[in-house]
Protein backbone atom coordinates (compact mmCIF):
# COMPACT_ATOMS: atom_id res chain seq x y z
CA TRP A 1 -36.16 69.96 133.07
CA LEU A 2 -34.56 66.99 134.01
CA LEU A 3 -37.95 65.12 135.16
CA ARG A 4 -39.55 66.10 132.34
CA HIS A 5 -36.82 64.93 129.52
CA PRO A 6 -38.84 62.83 127.80
CA ARG A 7 -35.85 60.21 127.50
CA LEU A 8 -33.84 60.83 130.41
CA GLY A 9 -36.72 61.19 132.97
CA PRO A 10 -38.75 58.17 132.80
CA PRO A 11 -35.67 56.53 134.14
CA ILE A 12 -34.92 58.28 136.37
CA GLU A 13 -38.60 58.02 138.15
CA SER A 14 -38.66 54.82 138.28
CA TRP A 15 -35.11 54.94 140.01
CA ARG A 16 -36.62 57.09 142.69
CA SER A 17 -40.19 55.48 143.24
CA HIS A 18 -38.38 52.01 143.03
CA GLY A 19 -34.94 51.55 143.17
CA VAL A 20 -35.30 49.74 139.36
CA ILE A 21 -32.44 50.40 136.93
CA SER A 22 -33.90 48.71 132.79
CA ALA A 23 -31.99 45.31 131.49
CA ARG A 24 -30.17 47.86 128.98
CA ALA A 25 -28.98 50.46 130.86
CA LYS A 26 -26.89 47.29 133.82
CA ALA A 27 -26.33 46.05 130.59
CA ALA A 28 -25.10 49.48 129.15
CA ALA A 29 -23.44 50.47 132.51
CA LEU A 30 -22.23 46.27 133.08
CA ILE A 31 -19.72 46.48 129.95
CA THR A 32 -18.76 49.87 130.11
CA LEU A 33 -17.54 48.97 132.81
CA ALA A 34 -15.40 45.70 132.28
CA ILE A 35 -13.72 47.37 129.56
CA SER A 36 -12.85 50.13 132.03
CA LEU A 37 -11.49 46.94 134.12
CA ALA A 38 -10.04 44.60 131.88
CA PHE A 39 -7.37 48.50 130.98
CA PRO A 40 -5.33 48.35 134.11
CA LEU A 41 -6.61 44.34 135.23
CA GLY A 42 -5.40 42.54 131.89
CA ILE A 43 -3.96 45.57 129.37
CA VAL A 44 -1.29 47.37 130.64
CA PRO A 45 0.01 43.85 132.21
CA LEU A 46 -0.08 42.93 128.95
CA LEU A 47 1.85 45.43 127.53
CA GLY A 48 4.89 44.81 129.27
CA GLY A 49 3.59 47.61 132.48
CA GLU A 50 2.93 47.49 135.60
CA VAL A 51 0.16 48.50 138.21
CA PRO A 52 1.11 47.44 141.26
CA LEU A 53 -0.70 44.22 142.79
CA PRO A 54 -2.55 46.41 146.02
CA ALA A 55 -4.21 48.50 142.39
CA GLN A 56 -4.91 45.76 141.11
CA ALA A 57 -7.21 44.50 143.80
CA LEU A 58 -8.82 47.87 145.05
CA THR A 59 -9.33 47.72 141.53
CA ALA A 60 -11.65 44.21 140.89
CA CYS A 61 -12.69 44.91 143.78
CA ALA A 62 -14.19 47.80 143.60
CA GLY A 63 -15.52 46.55 140.13
CA LEU A 64 -16.79 43.83 142.30
CA CYS A 65 -18.91 46.29 144.75
CA VAL A 66 -20.45 48.10 141.23
CA ALA A 67 -21.40 45.57 139.22
CA ALA A 68 -23.25 43.84 142.40
CA PHE A 69 -24.62 47.35 142.71
CA LEU A 70 -25.71 47.15 139.78
CA LEU A 71 -27.46 43.04 139.65
CA SER A 72 -29.16 43.67 142.52
CA ARG A 73 -31.27 46.18 141.67
CA PRO A 74 -34.96 45.34 139.80
CA SER A 75 -34.71 45.76 136.38
CA ARG A 76 -38.76 46.65 136.30
CA PRO A 77 -41.24 48.11 138.78
CA PRO A 78 -42.93 45.69 141.30
CA GLU A 79 -46.13 44.51 139.38
CA PRO A 80 -49.02 46.81 141.19
CA LEU A 81 -51.35 43.85 143.32
CA PRO A 82 -54.67 43.00 142.79
CA GLU A 83 -57.54 44.96 143.94
CA PRO A 84 -58.19 42.64 146.69
CA LEU A 85 -55.60 40.69 147.63
CA ALA A 86 -54.10 45.23 148.03
CA LEU A 87 -57.35 45.97 150.11
CA THR A 88 -56.54 42.38 152.30
CA ARG A 89 -53.04 43.44 153.33
CA SER A 90 -53.68 47.13 154.47
CA ALA A 91 -56.95 45.40 156.15
CA GLU A 92 -53.70 42.90 157.77
CA SER A 93 -50.83 45.68 158.42
CA ARG A 94 -53.82 47.64 160.73
């Protein structure tokens, strides 16, 4: 039912087919990630709380890894090759 859902189905299909994460989804994920990282890395220390340095480093590293993954994914599916070029490429691969 999820793949047939009018709003959720197309992004899932794009991910399955081409590993695509839309620019809008990337922006939402990165904003949410930044807000989530701001709490343990910035807000808690500003309020006088203590977050151990190893926990801060691990949090920052995990956030950077997630951000790098999101940014490494394409934002739209690849353009299909023009027909003659597609035939030439398939003949070359044989």
